[in-house]
Protein backbone atom coordinates (compact mmCIF):
# COMPACT_ATOMS: atom_id res chain seq x y z
CA MET A 1 -12.08 0.04 -7.12
CA ILE A 2 -10.01 -1.93 -4.65
CA LYS A 3 -9.95 -0.85 -1.01
CA LEU A 4 -6.74 -0.64 1.00
CA TYR A 5 -6.81 -1.10 4.77
CA ASP A 6 -4.50 -0.51 7.71
CA ALA A 7 -3.73 -4.16 8.51
CA ASP A 8 -3.40 -3.49 12.24
CA SER A 9 -6.59 -1.51 12.83
CA ASP A 10 -8.72 -2.59 9.82
CA VAL A 11 -9.42 1.09 9.10
CA GLU A 12 -9.95 1.76 5.41
CA ILE A 13 -7.12 3.80 3.91
CA GLY A 14 -8.87 4.43 0.62
CA PRO A 15 -9.63 3.06 -2.82
CA ILE A 16 -7.04 2.26 -5.47
CA SER A 17 -7.30 1.22 -9.09
CA GLU A 18 -6.36 -2.15 -10.54
CA GLU A 19 -3.27 -0.52 -12.08
CA GLN A 20 -2.20 0.84 -8.69
CA LEU A 21 -2.68 -2.60 -7.14
CA ASP A 22 -0.55 -4.14 -9.90
CA LEU A 23 2.19 -1.65 -9.09
CA LEU A 24 2.07 -2.59 -5.38
CA VAL A 25 2.24 -6.30 -6.23
CA GLU A 26 5.16 -5.78 -8.63
CA ASN A 27 7.22 -3.53 -6.35
CA LEU A 28 6.60 -4.69 -2.79
CA VAL A 29 7.29 -7.95 -1.00
CA GLU A 30 4.17 -9.51 0.49
CA GLU A 31 4.24 -9.73 4.28
CA GLY A 32 1.75 -12.49 5.00
CA LEU A 33 1.08 -15.98 3.81
CA ASP A 34 -2.03 -14.71 2.04
CA ASP A 35 -0.04 -12.42 -0.30
CA TYR A 36 -2.48 -9.57 0.29
CA SER A 37 -0.47 -7.43 2.72
CA TRP A 38 2.68 -5.32 2.64
CA SER A 39 4.83 -3.29 4.97
CA ILE A 40 5.04 0.40 4.08
CA ASP A 41 7.83 2.72 5.23
CA ALA A 42 9.88 5.53 3.71
CA GLY A 43 11.98 3.02 1.76
CA ALA A 44 8.92 1.31 0.31
CA LEU A 45 7.51 4.68 -0.76
CA SER A 46 10.81 5.43 -2.55
CA VAL A 47 10.66 2.06 -4.30
CA LEU A 48 7.10 2.76 -5.42
CA GLU A 49 7.98 6.24 -6.61
CA SER A 50 10.93 5.00 -8.66
CA GLY A 51 8.74 2.15 -9.92
CA GLY A 52 6.30 4.61 -11.48
CA ALA A 53 3.63 5.02 -8.79
CA ASP A 54 1.33 7.92 -9.51
CA ALA A 55 0.98 10.91 -7.18
CA ALA A 56 -2.48 9.82 -5.97
CA LEU A 57 -1.22 6.46 -4.68
CA LEU A 58 1.85 7.97 -3.04
CA THR A 59 -0.25 10.66 -1.36
CA LEU A 60 -2.72 8.06 -0.10
CA LEU A 61 0.06 5.93 1.39
CA ARG A 62 1.94 8.88 2.89
CA ARG A 63 -1.26 10.13 4.53
CA ALA A 64 -1.96 6.66 5.94
CA LEU A 65 1.60 6.32 7.24
CA GLY A 66 1.44 9.72 8.92
CA THR A 67 4.03 10.00 11.69
CA ARG A 68 4.64 6.25 11.99
CA THR A 69 7.91 4.84 10.73
CA SER A 70 6.16 1.84 9.19
CA MET A 71 2.79 0.20 8.89
CA ALA A 72 1.20 -2.86 7.35
CA ILE A 73 -1.41 -2.41 4.64
CA ARG A 74 -3.69 -4.98 3.06
CA TYR A 75 -6.42 -5.30 0.50
CA ASP A 76 -9.32 -7.70 0.20
CA PRO A 77 -9.36 -9.62 -3.07
CA ASP A 78 -12.74 -9.98 -4.71
């Protein structure tokens, strides 16, 4: 499993599968030079949903976003 983190606080958001990571990579524009972080907002969630994201990934990201309008997420490559 791959772990997602809140890029600002380094708090772990939760684990995702390789397939879920592939979907993030394919559908979101990387934010940093390292290509391991993305900005998440309502628009990004819509893009992911229309791109075939499963309910578990969308729920994880919505829970992490909470009441914020946007946030940066990252993962650590192995």
